[in-house]
Each structure stands twice: as C-alpha cells, then as structure tokens.
Amino acid sequence: MLNLVLFGPPGAGKGTQSEKLISHYGLVHISTGDVFRFNIKNETELGKLAKSYMDKGELVPDEVTINMLGAEVEKNSDAKGFIFDGFPRTSAQAAALDELLAGKGTSVSMMVALDVPEEELKTRLMKRAEVSGRADDADPAVIQNRIDVYNAQTAPVAEFYKGQGKLRLVNGVGTIDEIFGRICEAMDKG
C-alpha cells in the first residue's frame, strides 16, 4: 500500500499535484478539512465532538482528528493507498498517524515535501487570489503569517519523517508537469 504525506507551505502546489497523483497512482485523497466538514454536516458522533471544540474557538484534539482519519481509512480498506492532505501538522500527529496505520497493517511510505522559495510562494498566492477570489491569499500580511506559522509549527514534521528515512524533498519550482515528473521520480525510487 502506498501512503503518501504531501507536504509544503501555502502556495507550494499541494492541491494541484494531489489531483495528478490521485489519478496517476490510484490513491484515495484524505483531506482533514473535508473530513471535518463531512462529519460536522452529517452530525456523526465525531463531528459533534469536533464541533463542540470549534464552537468554543478551541483546536480539535489530535485524538478526535485521528479517529476521523481512521474511519476514512476503514471506509476505503480496498484502496491502493492514500494521500494525506493537511495532516500531520505536528510531530505528535505524525506519531499518531504512524500508530493508526500500523493498526491497519500499513505505514506512511514517504513524505514528499515541495520546496519552493518564499518569494515564489507569495507570488503564487497573490495570483491564486486573483483567480479564485480567496481573501486569505490576497493580503500580504496574512500570506506572511501563514508562511511563518508553517515554518514554525508544521515544517518540523519533515524532520520526523527524515529521521525515518521517508522524506523526499522535491523542487517545487517549474511547470506543473515538470514538478509532477519530479514527484513521480522521487516516489518511484521509493
């Protein structure tokens, strides 16, 4: 089973590349944002629990998030593998994901981290704001804050996978197809 954590800062191209990887490798895409919205909308027990934290302005505990992801993995037990999107965001979450997958007889195969210089990220996000109308991509202060938060809180997860020999750093600058080719090359080398 091929289980991929696709990683990179805001604007690195994770969403674009995920779509291509899903099609190419036949993987199931698990986005924590989508999973949260589905569970809350459908008022599942986990959705109600998550909403109770969110309504108070608190972060949903890792245990609740992991249980939701576990349910998604279980729903797709015949999958060739998964792309985890938006998770893990901390080393504690990465360890919890390892434990979850070990319980299913599998593991994270690799983390593919898209490496894009900060100035390029800012340019991409501003362009995305023009095309998609996403307000969070239009404000330079918000963009800088998102990049800073990523660097401080999320980037250390790469070290977790590097320690396991599972980190694949991929140059995220170029055309969509050039970057996709580099990702496939990194994945196919294993």
N, C-alpha and C. Protein backbone atom coordinates (compact mmCIF):
# COMPACT_ATOMS: atom_id res chain seq x y z
N MET A 1 0.85 -1.18 0.00
CA MET A 1 0.00 0.00 0.00
C MET A 1 0.90 1.24 0.00
N LEU A 2 0.58 2.19 -0.87
CA LEU A 2 1.35 3.42 -0.99
C LEU A 2 0.64 4.53 -0.22
N ASN A 3 1.22 4.96 0.88
CA ASN A 3 0.64 6.03 1.70
C ASN A 3 1.58 7.22 1.69
N LEU A 4 1.06 8.32 1.19
CA LEU A 4 1.88 9.50 0.94
C LEU A 4 1.40 10.69 1.76
N VAL A 5 2.34 11.35 2.41
CA VAL A 5 2.06 12.65 3.02
C VAL A 5 2.65 13.67 2.05
N LEU A 6 1.77 14.47 1.45
CA LEU A 6 2.22 15.53 0.54
C LEU A 6 2.32 16.81 1.35
N PHE A 7 3.48 17.43 1.30
CA PHE A 7 3.83 18.44 2.27
C PHE A 7 4.41 19.66 1.59
N GLY A 8 4.19 20.80 2.18
CA GLY A 8 4.78 22.03 1.67
C GLY A 8 4.02 23.23 2.20
N PRO A 9 4.62 24.38 2.11
CA PRO A 9 3.99 25.60 2.61
C PRO A 9 2.79 26.02 1.76
N PRO A 10 2.00 26.98 2.25
CA PRO A 10 0.89 27.50 1.46
C PRO A 10 1.39 28.01 0.11
N GLY A 11 0.73 27.59 -0.96
CA GLY A 11 1.13 28.03 -2.29
C GLY A 11 2.15 27.15 -2.97
N ALA A 12 2.55 26.05 -2.32
CA ALA A 12 3.57 25.18 -2.90
C ALA A 12 3.04 24.34 -4.06
N GLY A 13 1.71 24.18 -4.13
CA GLY A 13 1.13 23.40 -5.22
C GLY A 13 0.62 22.04 -4.79
N LYS A 14 0.39 21.85 -3.50
CA LYS A 14 -0.06 20.55 -3.00
C LYS A 14 -1.39 20.12 -3.62
N GLY A 15 -2.34 21.03 -3.68
CA GLY A 15 -3.65 20.69 -4.22
C GLY A 15 -3.57 20.28 -5.68
N THR A 16 -2.84 21.04 -6.44
CA THR A 16 -2.67 20.77 -7.88
C THR A 16 -2.00 19.41 -8.08
N GLN A 17 -0.94 19.17 -7.34
CA GLN A 17 -0.19 17.92 -7.50
C GLN A 17 -0.97 16.72 -6.95
N SER A 18 -1.75 16.93 -5.89
CA SER A 18 -2.57 15.84 -5.34
C SER A 18 -3.49 15.27 -6.40
N GLU A 19 -4.15 16.15 -7.15
CA GLU A 19 -5.08 15.70 -8.19
C GLU A 19 -4.37 14.81 -9.20
N LYS A 20 -3.17 15.20 -9.59
CA LYS A 20 -2.41 14.42 -10.58
C LYS A 20 -1.96 13.09 -9.98
N LEU A 21 -1.54 13.10 -8.72
CA LEU A 21 -1.07 11.88 -8.06
C LEU A 21 -2.20 10.88 -7.85
N ILE A 22 -3.38 11.38 -7.49
CA ILE A 22 -4.55 10.52 -7.29
C ILE A 22 -4.84 9.76 -8.59
N SER A 23 -4.85 10.49 -9.69
CA SER A 23 -5.14 9.90 -10.99
C SER A 23 -4.04 8.92 -11.41
N HIS A 24 -2.80 9.31 -11.25
CA HIS A 24 -1.66 8.51 -11.73
C HIS A 24 -1.46 7.23 -10.92
N TYR A 25 -1.58 7.32 -9.61
CA TYR A 25 -1.28 6.17 -8.74
C TYR A 25 -2.53 5.48 -8.19
N GLY A 26 -3.72 6.02 -8.47
CA GLY A 26 -4.95 5.40 -7.98
C GLY A 26 -5.10 5.48 -6.47
N LEU A 27 -4.69 6.60 -5.90
CA LEU A 27 -4.75 6.78 -4.45
C LEU A 27 -6.05 7.44 -4.02
N VAL A 28 -6.40 7.26 -2.77
CA VAL A 28 -7.56 7.92 -2.18
C VAL A 28 -7.05 9.16 -1.45
N HIS A 29 -7.68 10.29 -1.72
CA HIS A 29 -7.29 11.57 -1.11
C HIS A 29 -8.03 11.76 0.19
N ILE A 30 -7.29 11.95 1.28
CA ILE A 30 -7.92 12.23 2.57
C ILE A 30 -7.48 13.61 3.03
N SER A 31 -8.42 14.54 2.96
CA SER A 31 -8.18 15.91 3.40
C SER A 31 -8.83 16.10 4.76
N THR A 32 -8.06 16.52 5.75
CA THR A 32 -8.64 16.69 7.08
C THR A 32 -9.76 17.72 7.05
N GLY A 33 -9.61 18.76 6.25
CA GLY A 33 -10.67 19.78 6.16
C GLY A 33 -11.97 19.18 5.64
N ASP A 34 -11.87 18.37 4.58
CA ASP A 34 -13.06 17.71 4.02
C ASP A 34 -13.68 16.75 5.02
N VAL A 35 -12.83 16.00 5.73
CA VAL A 35 -13.31 15.02 6.71
C VAL A 35 -14.06 15.73 7.84
N PHE A 36 -13.51 16.84 8.32
CA PHE A 36 -14.18 17.61 9.37
C PHE A 36 -15.54 18.10 8.89
N ARG A 37 -15.56 18.72 7.71
CA ARG A 37 -16.82 19.26 7.18
C ARG A 37 -17.87 18.16 7.01
N PHE A 38 -17.47 17.00 6.49
CA PHE A 38 -18.41 15.89 6.30
C PHE A 38 -18.99 15.43 7.63
N ASN A 39 -18.12 15.21 8.62
CA ASN A 39 -18.58 14.71 9.91
C ASN A 39 -19.47 15.71 10.64
N ILE A 40 -19.15 16.99 10.52
CA ILE A 40 -19.96 18.02 11.18
C ILE A 40 -21.31 18.13 10.48
N LYS A 41 -21.29 18.19 9.15
CA LYS A 41 -22.53 18.32 8.38
C LYS A 41 -23.47 17.14 8.64
N ASN A 42 -22.90 15.93 8.72
CA ASN A 42 -23.71 14.73 8.90
C ASN A 42 -23.95 14.38 10.37
N GLU A 43 -23.49 15.26 11.25
CA GLU A 43 -23.72 15.13 12.69
C GLU A 43 -23.34 13.75 13.23
N THR A 44 -22.18 13.24 12.77
CA THR A 44 -21.68 11.99 13.33
C THR A 44 -21.24 12.27 14.77
N GLU A 45 -21.03 11.22 15.54
CA GLU A 45 -20.57 11.41 16.92
C GLU A 45 -19.26 12.19 16.94
N LEU A 46 -18.32 11.82 16.05
CA LEU A 46 -17.05 12.53 16.00
C LEU A 46 -17.25 13.96 15.52
N GLY A 47 -18.17 14.17 14.59
CA GLY A 47 -18.47 15.52 14.10
C GLY A 47 -19.01 16.41 15.20
N LYS A 48 -19.92 15.86 16.00
CA LYS A 48 -20.49 16.63 17.12
C LYS A 48 -19.40 16.98 18.13
N LEU A 49 -18.52 16.01 18.39
CA LEU A 49 -17.43 16.25 19.33
C LEU A 49 -16.48 17.34 18.81
N ALA A 50 -16.12 17.24 17.53
CA ALA A 50 -15.23 18.24 16.93
C ALA A 50 -15.88 19.62 16.97
N LYS A 51 -17.17 19.68 16.64
CA LYS A 51 -17.89 20.95 16.62
C LYS A 51 -17.94 21.58 18.01
N SER A 52 -18.04 20.76 19.04
CA SER A 52 -18.08 21.30 20.41
C SER A 52 -16.80 22.05 20.74
N TYR A 53 -15.66 21.59 20.23
CA TYR A 53 -14.39 22.30 20.43
C TYR A 53 -14.33 23.55 19.56
N MET A 54 -14.73 23.39 18.30
CA MET A 54 -14.65 24.50 17.35
C MET A 54 -15.57 25.65 17.76
N ASP A 55 -16.73 25.32 18.30
CA ASP A 55 -17.68 26.36 18.74
C ASP A 55 -17.12 27.20 19.88
N LYS A 56 -16.18 26.63 20.62
CA LYS A 56 -15.53 27.37 21.72
C LYS A 56 -14.25 28.05 21.25
N GLY A 57 -13.95 27.92 19.95
CA GLY A 57 -12.74 28.53 19.41
C GLY A 57 -11.49 27.75 19.74
N GLU A 58 -11.66 26.49 20.13
CA GLU A 58 -10.52 25.66 20.51
C GLU A 58 -10.12 24.74 19.35
N LEU A 59 -8.87 24.30 19.37
CA LEU A 59 -8.41 23.33 18.38
C LEU A 59 -9.02 21.98 18.71
N VAL A 60 -9.38 21.24 17.69
CA VAL A 60 -9.89 19.88 17.89
C VAL A 60 -8.71 19.01 18.32
N PRO A 61 -8.86 18.27 19.42
CA PRO A 61 -7.74 17.42 19.88
C PRO A 61 -7.30 16.41 18.83
N ASP A 62 -6.01 16.10 18.84
CA ASP A 62 -5.45 15.16 17.88
C ASP A 62 -6.20 13.83 17.88
N GLU A 63 -6.60 13.38 19.06
CA GLU A 63 -7.27 12.08 19.17
C GLU A 63 -8.56 12.05 18.34
N VAL A 64 -9.32 13.14 18.36
CA VAL A 64 -10.56 13.22 17.60
C VAL A 64 -10.25 13.21 16.10
N THR A 65 -9.25 13.98 15.70
CA THR A 65 -8.85 14.03 14.30
C THR A 65 -8.38 12.67 13.82
N ILE A 66 -7.55 12.01 14.61
CA ILE A 66 -7.03 10.68 14.25
C ILE A 66 -8.18 9.68 14.11
N ASN A 67 -9.16 9.76 15.02
CA ASN A 67 -10.30 8.84 14.93
C ASN A 67 -11.08 9.07 13.64
N MET A 68 -11.23 10.33 13.23
CA MET A 68 -11.91 10.63 11.97
C MET A 68 -11.12 10.07 10.79
N LEU A 69 -9.80 10.26 10.82
CA LEU A 69 -8.97 9.74 9.73
C LEU A 69 -9.02 8.22 9.69
N GLY A 70 -9.03 7.61 10.87
CA GLY A 70 -9.12 6.15 10.95
C GLY A 70 -10.40 5.64 10.30
N ALA A 71 -11.49 6.35 10.52
CA ALA A 71 -12.77 5.97 9.91
C ALA A 71 -12.69 6.08 8.39
N GLU A 72 -12.00 7.11 7.88
CA GLU A 72 -11.84 7.27 6.43
C GLU A 72 -10.99 6.15 5.84
N VAL A 73 -9.93 5.80 6.52
CA VAL A 73 -9.08 4.69 6.06
C VAL A 73 -9.90 3.40 6.03
N GLU A 74 -10.67 3.18 7.09
CA GLU A 74 -11.51 1.98 7.18
C GLU A 74 -12.54 1.93 6.05
N LYS A 75 -13.16 3.07 5.73
CA LYS A 75 -14.16 3.14 4.65
C LYS A 75 -13.57 2.75 3.30
N ASN A 76 -12.26 2.98 3.16
CA ASN A 76 -11.57 2.74 1.89
C ASN A 76 -10.54 1.63 2.04
N SER A 77 -10.91 0.55 2.72
CA SER A 77 -9.95 -0.50 3.06
C SER A 77 -9.38 -1.22 1.84
N ASP A 78 -10.05 -1.11 0.68
CA ASP A 78 -9.53 -1.75 -0.52
C ASP A 78 -8.68 -0.82 -1.38
N ALA A 79 -8.37 0.35 -0.86
CA ALA A 79 -7.59 1.35 -1.61
C ALA A 79 -6.16 0.87 -1.85
N LYS A 80 -5.57 1.37 -2.95
CA LYS A 80 -4.16 1.09 -3.23
C LYS A 80 -3.26 1.87 -2.29
N GLY A 81 -3.81 2.94 -1.72
CA GLY A 81 -3.05 3.79 -0.82
C GLY A 81 -3.76 5.12 -0.65
N PHE A 82 -3.15 6.00 0.13
CA PHE A 82 -3.76 7.26 0.49
C PHE A 82 -2.78 8.41 0.33
N ILE A 83 -3.35 9.59 0.02
CA ILE A 83 -2.61 10.85 0.13
C ILE A 83 -3.22 11.58 1.31
N PHE A 84 -2.40 11.87 2.30
CA PHE A 84 -2.87 12.63 3.46
C PHE A 84 -2.58 14.11 3.22
N ASP A 85 -3.63 14.91 3.27
CA ASP A 85 -3.58 16.33 2.94
C ASP A 85 -4.00 17.13 4.17
N GLY A 86 -3.11 17.98 4.66
CA GLY A 86 -3.44 18.79 5.83
C GLY A 86 -3.17 18.07 7.13
N PHE A 87 -2.55 16.93 7.05
CA PHE A 87 -2.25 16.13 8.23
C PHE A 87 -1.09 15.20 7.88
N PRO A 88 -0.14 15.04 8.75
CA PRO A 88 0.02 15.63 10.07
C PRO A 88 0.63 17.03 10.01
N ARG A 89 0.29 17.84 11.01
CA ARG A 89 0.82 19.21 11.11
C ARG A 89 1.80 19.37 12.26
N THR A 90 1.91 18.34 13.09
CA THR A 90 2.87 18.36 14.20
C THR A 90 3.52 16.98 14.29
N SER A 91 4.64 16.91 14.99
CA SER A 91 5.31 15.61 15.17
C SER A 91 4.44 14.66 15.97
N ALA A 92 3.67 15.18 16.92
CA ALA A 92 2.76 14.33 17.71
C ALA A 92 1.69 13.72 16.79
N GLN A 93 1.19 14.51 15.84
CA GLN A 93 0.21 13.99 14.89
C GLN A 93 0.85 12.95 13.97
N ALA A 94 2.10 13.16 13.59
CA ALA A 94 2.80 12.20 12.73
C ALA A 94 2.95 10.86 13.46
N ALA A 95 3.29 10.92 14.74
CA ALA A 95 3.42 9.69 15.53
C ALA A 95 2.06 9.00 15.66
N ALA A 96 1.00 9.79 15.84
CA ALA A 96 -0.35 9.22 15.94
C ALA A 96 -0.77 8.59 14.62
N LEU A 97 -0.42 9.21 13.50
CA LEU A 97 -0.74 8.64 12.19
C LEU A 97 0.01 7.32 11.99
N ASP A 98 1.27 7.28 12.40
CA ASP A 98 2.03 6.03 12.32
C ASP A 98 1.34 4.92 13.09
N GLU A 99 0.87 5.25 14.29
CA GLU A 99 0.20 4.27 15.14
C GLU A 99 -1.11 3.80 14.49
N LEU A 100 -1.88 4.75 13.96
CA LEU A 100 -3.14 4.41 13.29
C LEU A 100 -2.90 3.45 12.14
N LEU A 101 -1.94 3.79 11.28
CA LEU A 101 -1.67 2.96 10.10
C LEU A 101 -1.09 1.61 10.48
N ALA A 102 -0.25 1.56 11.52
CA ALA A 102 0.31 0.29 11.99
C ALA A 102 -0.82 -0.65 12.41
N GLY A 103 -1.86 -0.07 13.04
CA GLY A 103 -3.03 -0.86 13.44
C GLY A 103 -3.79 -1.42 12.24
N LYS A 104 -3.58 -0.84 11.07
CA LYS A 104 -4.23 -1.31 9.84
C LYS A 104 -3.26 -2.15 9.01
N GLY A 105 -2.08 -2.43 9.58
CA GLY A 105 -1.10 -3.25 8.89
C GLY A 105 -0.35 -2.54 7.78
N THR A 106 -0.25 -1.21 7.88
CA THR A 106 0.46 -0.45 6.85
C THR A 106 1.21 0.70 7.52
N SER A 107 1.80 1.57 6.74
CA SER A 107 2.55 2.71 7.30
C SER A 107 2.63 3.82 6.26
N VAL A 108 3.12 4.98 6.68
CA VAL A 108 3.42 6.06 5.74
C VAL A 108 4.60 5.59 4.90
N SER A 109 4.43 5.60 3.59
CA SER A 109 5.51 5.16 2.69
C SER A 109 6.58 6.24 2.58
N MET A 110 6.10 7.50 2.44
CA MET A 110 7.04 8.61 2.32
C MET A 110 6.31 9.93 2.48
N MET A 111 7.10 10.94 2.80
CA MET A 111 6.61 12.31 2.78
C MET A 111 7.30 12.99 1.61
N VAL A 112 6.51 13.51 0.68
CA VAL A 112 7.05 14.29 -0.42
C VAL A 112 6.84 15.75 -0.04
N ALA A 113 7.95 16.45 0.13
CA ALA A 113 7.90 17.85 0.53
C ALA A 113 8.27 18.73 -0.66
N LEU A 114 7.34 19.61 -1.04
CA LEU A 114 7.60 20.54 -2.14
C LEU A 114 8.38 21.73 -1.61
N ASP A 115 9.55 21.95 -2.18
CA ASP A 115 10.45 23.02 -1.75
C ASP A 115 10.31 24.19 -2.72
N VAL A 116 9.77 25.30 -2.18
CA VAL A 116 9.53 26.49 -3.00
C VAL A 116 10.03 27.71 -2.23
N PRO A 117 10.85 28.57 -2.85
CA PRO A 117 11.31 29.77 -2.16
C PRO A 117 10.15 30.67 -1.74
N GLU A 118 10.33 31.37 -0.63
CA GLU A 118 9.27 32.19 -0.05
C GLU A 118 8.72 33.24 -1.02
N GLU A 119 9.58 33.90 -1.78
CA GLU A 119 9.10 34.92 -2.71
C GLU A 119 8.20 34.31 -3.78
N GLU A 120 8.54 33.11 -4.24
CA GLU A 120 7.72 32.42 -5.23
C GLU A 120 6.36 32.06 -4.62
N LEU A 121 6.34 31.63 -3.36
CA LEU A 121 5.08 31.32 -2.68
C LEU A 121 4.17 32.55 -2.65
N LYS A 122 4.74 33.68 -2.31
CA LYS A 122 3.96 34.92 -2.22
C LYS A 122 3.37 35.28 -3.58
N THR A 123 4.18 35.15 -4.62
CA THR A 123 3.71 35.45 -5.97
C THR A 123 2.56 34.52 -6.37
N ARG A 124 2.73 33.24 -6.09
CA ARG A 124 1.69 32.25 -6.43
C ARG A 124 0.39 32.54 -5.68
N LEU A 125 0.51 32.83 -4.39
CA LEU A 125 -0.69 33.07 -3.59
C LEU A 125 -1.43 34.32 -4.05
N MET A 126 -0.69 35.36 -4.40
CA MET A 126 -1.34 36.57 -4.92
C MET A 126 -2.06 36.28 -6.24
N LYS A 127 -1.42 35.48 -7.12
CA LYS A 127 -2.07 35.10 -8.38
C LYS A 127 -3.31 34.26 -8.11
N ARG A 128 -3.20 33.33 -7.13
CA ARG A 128 -4.35 32.48 -6.81
C ARG A 128 -5.51 33.33 -6.29
N ALA A 129 -5.19 34.39 -5.55
CA ALA A 129 -6.23 35.29 -5.04
C ALA A 129 -6.99 35.94 -6.19
N GLU A 130 -6.26 36.33 -7.23
CA GLU A 130 -6.90 36.96 -8.40
C GLU A 130 -7.84 35.98 -9.11
N VAL A 131 -7.42 34.73 -9.21
CA VAL A 131 -8.18 33.72 -9.95
C VAL A 131 -9.33 33.15 -9.12
N SER A 132 -9.05 32.82 -7.85
CA SER A 132 -10.05 32.12 -7.04
C SER A 132 -10.86 33.03 -6.13
N GLY A 133 -10.35 34.24 -5.92
CA GLY A 133 -11.06 35.15 -5.02
C GLY A 133 -10.86 34.83 -3.55
N ARG A 134 -9.88 33.97 -3.24
CA ARG A 134 -9.64 33.63 -1.84
C ARG A 134 -9.02 34.83 -1.12
N ALA A 135 -9.76 35.36 -0.15
CA ALA A 135 -9.31 36.56 0.56
C ALA A 135 -8.01 36.31 1.33
N ASP A 136 -7.82 35.07 1.85
CA ASP A 136 -6.62 34.78 2.62
C ASP A 136 -5.37 34.77 1.76
N ASP A 137 -5.54 34.72 0.43
CA ASP A 137 -4.40 34.75 -0.48
C ASP A 137 -4.10 36.16 -0.99
N ALA A 138 -4.94 37.13 -0.68
CA ALA A 138 -4.80 38.47 -1.25
C ALA A 138 -4.04 39.44 -0.35
N ASP A 139 -4.00 39.18 0.93
CA ASP A 139 -3.40 40.11 1.89
C ASP A 139 -1.96 39.70 2.20
N PRO A 140 -0.98 40.53 1.84
CA PRO A 140 0.42 40.18 2.07
C PRO A 140 0.73 39.86 3.55
N ALA A 141 0.08 40.54 4.48
CA ALA A 141 0.33 40.27 5.90
C ALA A 141 -0.19 38.88 6.29
N VAL A 142 -1.35 38.52 5.76
CA VAL A 142 -1.93 37.19 6.04
C VAL A 142 -1.05 36.11 5.41
N ILE A 143 -0.60 36.36 4.18
CA ILE A 143 0.28 35.41 3.50
C ILE A 143 1.55 35.19 4.32
N GLN A 144 2.16 36.29 4.76
CA GLN A 144 3.40 36.17 5.54
C GLN A 144 3.14 35.40 6.83
N ASN A 145 2.02 35.67 7.49
CA ASN A 145 1.69 34.97 8.72
C ASN A 145 1.51 33.47 8.47
N ARG A 146 0.82 33.11 7.39
CA ARG A 146 0.62 31.70 7.07
C ARG A 146 1.96 31.00 6.82
N ILE A 147 2.86 31.67 6.12
CA ILE A 147 4.19 31.10 5.86
C ILE A 147 4.97 30.98 7.17
N ASP A 148 4.90 32.00 8.02
CA ASP A 148 5.61 31.97 9.30
C ASP A 148 5.09 30.85 10.20
N VAL A 149 3.77 30.69 10.24
CA VAL A 149 3.18 29.61 11.05
C VAL A 149 3.63 28.26 10.52
N TYR A 150 3.62 28.11 9.21
CA TYR A 150 4.09 26.86 8.59
C TYR A 150 5.53 26.59 9.02
N ASN A 151 6.40 27.59 8.87
CA ASN A 151 7.82 27.40 9.19
C ASN A 151 8.04 27.05 10.65
N ALA A 152 7.26 27.68 11.54
CA ALA A 152 7.45 27.47 12.97
C ALA A 152 6.82 26.17 13.47
N GLN A 153 5.61 25.87 12.99
CA GLN A 153 4.85 24.77 13.59
C GLN A 153 4.81 23.50 12.74
N THR A 154 4.73 23.66 11.44
CA THR A 154 4.49 22.50 10.59
C THR A 154 5.79 21.94 9.97
N ALA A 155 6.69 22.80 9.57
CA ALA A 155 7.93 22.33 8.93
C ALA A 155 8.69 21.29 9.76
N PRO A 156 8.67 21.38 11.11
CA PRO A 156 9.39 20.35 11.89
C PRO A 156 8.90 18.91 11.65
N VAL A 157 7.69 18.74 11.12
CA VAL A 157 7.20 17.39 10.83
C VAL A 157 8.10 16.72 9.79
N ALA A 158 8.69 17.51 8.89
CA ALA A 158 9.61 16.95 7.90
C ALA A 158 10.78 16.25 8.59
N GLU A 159 11.25 16.82 9.69
CA GLU A 159 12.35 16.20 10.45
C GLU A 159 11.93 14.84 11.00
N PHE A 160 10.68 14.72 11.40
CA PHE A 160 10.15 13.45 11.92
C PHE A 160 10.31 12.36 10.85
N TYR A 161 9.88 12.68 9.62
CA TYR A 161 9.97 11.69 8.54
C TYR A 161 11.39 11.52 8.03
N LYS A 162 12.18 12.57 8.10
CA LYS A 162 13.60 12.47 7.72
C LYS A 162 14.28 11.46 8.64
N GLY A 163 13.93 11.51 9.93
CA GLY A 163 14.50 10.57 10.89
C GLY A 163 14.14 9.13 10.59
N GLN A 164 13.04 8.92 9.89
CA GLN A 164 12.61 7.57 9.49
C GLN A 164 13.12 7.20 8.10
N GLY A 165 13.84 8.13 7.46
CA GLY A 165 14.33 7.88 6.10
C GLY A 165 13.23 7.95 5.05
N LYS A 166 12.13 8.66 5.37
CA LYS A 166 10.97 8.71 4.47
C LYS A 166 10.76 10.07 3.80
N LEU A 167 11.62 11.03 4.06
CA LEU A 167 11.47 12.37 3.48
C LEU A 167 12.06 12.42 2.08
N ARG A 168 11.25 12.90 1.12
CA ARG A 168 11.71 13.14 -0.25
C ARG A 168 11.48 14.60 -0.54
N LEU A 169 12.56 15.37 -0.63
CA LEU A 169 12.48 16.79 -0.92
C LEU A 169 12.46 16.98 -2.44
N VAL A 170 11.44 17.68 -2.93
CA VAL A 170 11.26 17.85 -4.37
C VAL A 170 11.24 19.34 -4.70
N ASN A 171 11.99 19.73 -5.71
CA ASN A 171 12.00 21.12 -6.18
C ASN A 171 10.60 21.44 -6.71
N GLY A 172 9.92 22.40 -6.06
CA GLY A 172 8.56 22.75 -6.43
C GLY A 172 8.44 23.95 -7.34
N VAL A 173 9.53 24.28 -8.06
CA VAL A 173 9.51 25.41 -8.99
C VAL A 173 9.60 24.87 -10.41
N GLY A 174 8.73 25.38 -11.28
CA GLY A 174 8.70 24.95 -12.67
C GLY A 174 7.26 24.82 -13.12
N THR A 175 7.05 24.17 -14.25
CA THR A 175 5.68 23.96 -14.71
C THR A 175 5.04 22.86 -13.86
N ILE A 176 3.73 22.80 -13.91
CA ILE A 176 3.00 21.76 -13.16
C ILE A 176 3.51 20.39 -13.56
N ASP A 177 3.69 20.16 -14.85
CA ASP A 177 4.13 18.85 -15.33
C ASP A 177 5.58 18.55 -14.95
N GLU A 178 6.44 19.56 -14.95
CA GLU A 178 7.83 19.35 -14.53
C GLU A 178 7.87 18.93 -13.07
N ILE A 179 7.11 19.63 -12.24
CA ILE A 179 7.09 19.31 -10.81
C ILE A 179 6.49 17.92 -10.59
N PHE A 180 5.42 17.60 -11.31
CA PHE A 180 4.80 16.28 -11.21
C PHE A 180 5.81 15.19 -11.58
N GLY A 181 6.57 15.42 -12.63
CA GLY A 181 7.60 14.46 -13.05
C GLY A 181 8.63 14.23 -11.95
N ARG A 182 9.03 15.31 -11.27
CA ARG A 182 10.00 15.17 -10.17
C ARG A 182 9.40 14.38 -9.01
N ILE A 183 8.12 14.64 -8.72
CA ILE A 183 7.46 13.91 -7.63
C ILE A 183 7.40 12.42 -7.96
N CYS A 184 6.97 12.10 -9.17
CA CYS A 184 6.88 10.69 -9.59
C CYS A 184 8.24 10.02 -9.52
N GLU A 185 9.27 10.72 -9.95
CA GLU A 185 10.62 10.17 -9.91
C GLU A 185 11.02 9.86 -8.46
N ALA A 186 10.74 10.80 -7.55
CA ALA A 186 11.06 10.59 -6.14
C ALA A 186 10.26 9.42 -5.56
N MET A 187 8.99 9.31 -5.94
CA MET A 187 8.15 8.24 -5.43
C MET A 187 8.55 6.89 -5.99
N ASP A 188 8.86 6.84 -7.27
CA ASP A 188 9.18 5.58 -7.91
C ASP A 188 10.52 5.01 -7.43
N LYS A 189 11.40 5.91 -6.96
CA LYS A 189 12.68 5.44 -6.39
C LYS A 189 12.44 4.81 -5.02
N GLY A 190 11.29 5.16 -4.42
CA GLY A 190 10.94 4.58 -3.12
C GLY A 190 11.59 5.18 -2.01
